[in-house]
Amino acid sequence: MTEAKTPTPWYVSGFEAGAGGDSRVVMGADGFSIAHVMDRTPMENAADADFIVKAVNAFKEMKKALTAASHARRSYQYGNSAPDLAQSTADLCDAALSGTSNAVEPILSGAEKKAQGARCGCQGVDDYCPCQNAPDRETRRARTALAARKED
């Protein structure tokens, strides 16, 4: 059974100021928000949002490494003593444990700012407007499509 979930990688997209303090927004690769981390200090909100993103983004590699380790241990249980299996499993686990998350969203390029400004009521003239400081849904979709083309 396959669980429907928001595609990865997830990332933290800036913050939203509100009456209860600053909240951090956890976003999916599809450009939609997943969660607002709030009700704590701004530093705690940022740390919690980063932790959620790192855990989600690392899940697939951690599961792969844990599965490999389990299979290797089972093979030893039945008498296999293959040093190459032990080494490749340890290497996989080390890579998963040392992996870094791309939790911080890249800043806007000049072209992205211009395109977002054209879609915004401020027309890109307000430096403090979110359209000039954080990617909108269309920009995120364009980035995801570009990354998919690069993978092909």
Protein backbone atom coordinates (compact mmCIF):
# COMPACT_ATOMS: atom_id res chain seq x y z
CA MET A 1 0.00 0.00 0.00
CA THR A 2 1.46 3.35 -1.04
CA GLU A 3 0.91 6.37 1.17
CA ALA A 4 0.12 9.65 -0.55
CA LYS A 5 2.41 12.38 0.72
CA THR A 6 3.93 15.63 -0.42
CA PRO A 7 6.98 15.04 -2.62
CA THR A 8 10.45 15.76 -1.25
CA PRO A 9 12.70 17.59 -0.85
CA TRP A 10 10.95 19.76 1.69
CA TYR A 11 12.44 23.10 2.70
CA VAL A 12 11.91 26.01 5.07
CA SER A 13 10.65 29.12 3.35
CA GLY A 14 11.28 32.23 5.40
CA PHE A 15 8.85 33.28 8.04
CA GLU A 16 5.49 34.90 8.54
CA ALA A 17 5.10 37.54 11.22
CA GLY A 18 1.95 37.30 13.28
CA ALA A 19 0.39 38.17 16.61
CA GLY A 20 1.80 35.00 18.18
CA GLY A 21 5.35 35.63 16.99
CA ASP A 22 7.20 34.55 13.88
CA SER A 23 6.26 31.25 12.29
CA ARG A 24 8.39 29.26 9.87
CA VAL A 25 6.73 27.70 6.83
CA VAL A 26 7.64 24.14 5.82
CA MET A 27 7.16 23.75 2.07
CA GLY A 28 7.05 20.75 -0.24
CA ALA A 29 8.88 20.34 -3.53
CA ASP A 30 5.58 21.06 -5.27
CA GLY A 31 5.58 24.61 -3.89
CA PHE A 32 2.69 24.16 -1.45
CA SER A 33 2.95 24.80 2.26
CA ILE A 34 2.84 21.76 4.54
CA ALA A 35 3.09 23.24 8.01
CA HIS A 36 3.51 26.47 9.91
CA VAL A 37 5.82 26.07 12.90
CA MET A 38 4.80 28.62 15.50
CA ASP A 39 3.92 29.43 19.12
CA ARG A 40 7.51 29.43 20.35
CA THR A 41 10.33 31.96 20.10
CA PRO A 42 11.52 32.79 16.56
CA MET A 43 14.77 30.85 17.18
CA GLU A 44 12.86 27.77 18.41
CA ASN A 45 10.45 27.98 15.47
CA ALA A 46 13.37 28.11 13.03
CA ALA A 47 15.18 25.21 14.72
CA ASP A 48 12.02 23.08 14.84
CA ALA A 49 11.19 23.75 11.19
CA ASP A 50 14.78 22.89 10.15
CA PHE A 51 14.63 19.67 12.19
CA ILE A 52 11.34 18.60 10.55
CA VAL A 53 12.74 19.26 7.08
CA LYS A 54 16.01 17.41 7.75
CA ALA A 55 14.15 14.38 9.16
CA VAL A 56 11.73 14.17 6.24
CA ASN A 57 14.41 14.67 3.59
CA ALA A 58 16.70 12.07 5.19
CA PHE A 59 13.98 9.43 5.62
CA LYS A 60 14.41 7.66 2.27
CA GLU A 61 18.20 7.31 2.57
CA MET A 62 17.99 6.30 6.24
CA LYS A 63 15.42 3.61 5.43
CA LYS A 64 17.63 2.33 2.59
CA ALA A 65 20.67 2.19 4.90
CA LEU A 66 18.75 0.50 7.72
CA THR A 67 17.34 -2.09 5.29
CA ALA A 68 20.84 -2.85 3.97
CA ALA A 69 22.19 -3.17 7.51
CA SER A 70 19.35 -5.50 8.46
CA HIS A 71 19.95 -7.69 5.40
CA ALA A 72 23.69 -7.83 6.10
CA ARG A 73 23.10 -8.83 9.74
CA ARG A 74 20.66 -11.54 8.65
CA SER A 75 23.22 -12.91 6.19
CA TYR A 76 25.77 -13.14 9.02
CA GLN A 77 23.18 -14.97 11.10
CA TYR A 78 23.15 -17.71 8.43
CA GLY A 79 26.92 -18.03 8.19
CA ASN A 80 27.88 -15.47 5.52
CA SER A 81 31.16 -13.77 6.38
CA ALA A 82 31.60 -11.42 3.43
CA PRO A 83 33.86 -8.44 4.22
CA ASP A 84 32.74 -6.67 1.01
CA LEU A 85 29.11 -6.80 2.18
CA ALA A 86 30.10 -5.39 5.57
CA GLN A 87 32.09 -2.60 3.93
CA SER A 88 29.42 -1.61 1.40
CA THR A 89 26.73 -1.64 4.11
CA ALA A 90 28.87 0.46 6.47
CA ASP A 91 29.63 2.89 3.63
CA LEU A 92 25.91 3.22 2.85
CA CYS A 93 25.09 3.83 6.51
CA ASP A 94 27.91 6.39 6.86
CA ALA A 95 26.72 8.25 3.77
CA ALA A 96 23.14 8.35 5.06
CA LEU A 97 24.24 9.53 8.50
CA SER A 98 26.48 12.29 7.14
CA GLY A 99 24.01 13.48 4.50
CA THR A 100 23.05 17.10 4.58
CA SER A 101 19.61 18.46 3.90
CA ASN A 102 18.94 21.17 1.36
CA ALA A 103 16.64 22.82 3.90
CA VAL A 104 17.39 26.39 2.98
CA GLU A 105 15.70 27.66 -0.14
CA PRO A 106 17.95 29.42 -2.69
CA ILE A 107 17.56 33.19 -2.94
CA LEU A 108 15.74 34.69 -5.89
CA SER A 109 17.65 35.44 -9.05
CA GLY A 110 17.14 38.77 -10.80
CA ALA A 111 14.95 37.12 -13.43
CA GLU A 112 12.83 35.42 -10.75
CA LYS A 113 12.35 38.74 -8.91
CA LYS A 114 11.28 40.41 -12.14
CA ALA A 115 8.81 37.62 -13.01
CA GLN A 116 7.36 37.56 -9.51
CA GLY A 117 7.08 41.34 -9.48
CA ALA A 118 5.03 41.18 -12.67
CA ARG A 119 2.60 38.79 -10.91
CA CYS A 120 2.36 40.93 -7.75
CA GLY A 121 0.36 44.04 -6.98
CA CYS A 122 3.54 45.94 -6.10
CA GLN A 123 4.90 45.28 -9.61
CA GLY A 124 8.29 44.50 -8.06
CA VAL A 125 9.03 48.00 -6.79
CA ASP A 126 8.68 47.23 -3.05
CA ASP A 127 11.91 45.66 -1.76
CA TYR A 128 10.11 44.54 1.40
CA CYS A 129 7.33 42.75 -0.49
CA PRO A 130 7.50 38.92 -0.27
CA CYS A 131 7.57 38.81 -4.08
CA GLN A 132 11.08 40.26 -3.93
CA ASN A 133 12.33 38.09 -1.06
CA ALA A 134 10.89 34.57 -1.26
CA PRO A 135 9.90 32.32 -4.16
CA ASP A 136 6.20 32.15 -4.90
CA ARG A 137 4.37 29.03 -6.06
CA GLU A 138 5.06 29.68 -9.75
CA THR A 139 8.78 30.15 -9.15
CA ARG A 140 8.94 26.95 -7.09
CA ARG A 141 7.14 25.04 -9.84
CA ALA A 142 9.57 26.41 -12.42
CA ARG A 143 12.54 25.41 -10.24
CA THR A 144 11.12 21.90 -9.77
CA ALA A 145 10.55 21.52 -13.53
CA LEU A 146 14.07 22.75 -14.27
CA ALA A 147 15.55 20.29 -11.77
CA ALA A 148 13.54 17.45 -13.33
CA ARG A 149 14.83 18.37 -16.80
CA LYS A 150 18.41 18.40 -15.50
CA GLU A 151 17.95 14.86 -14.09
CA ASP A 152 16.87 13.54 -17.51
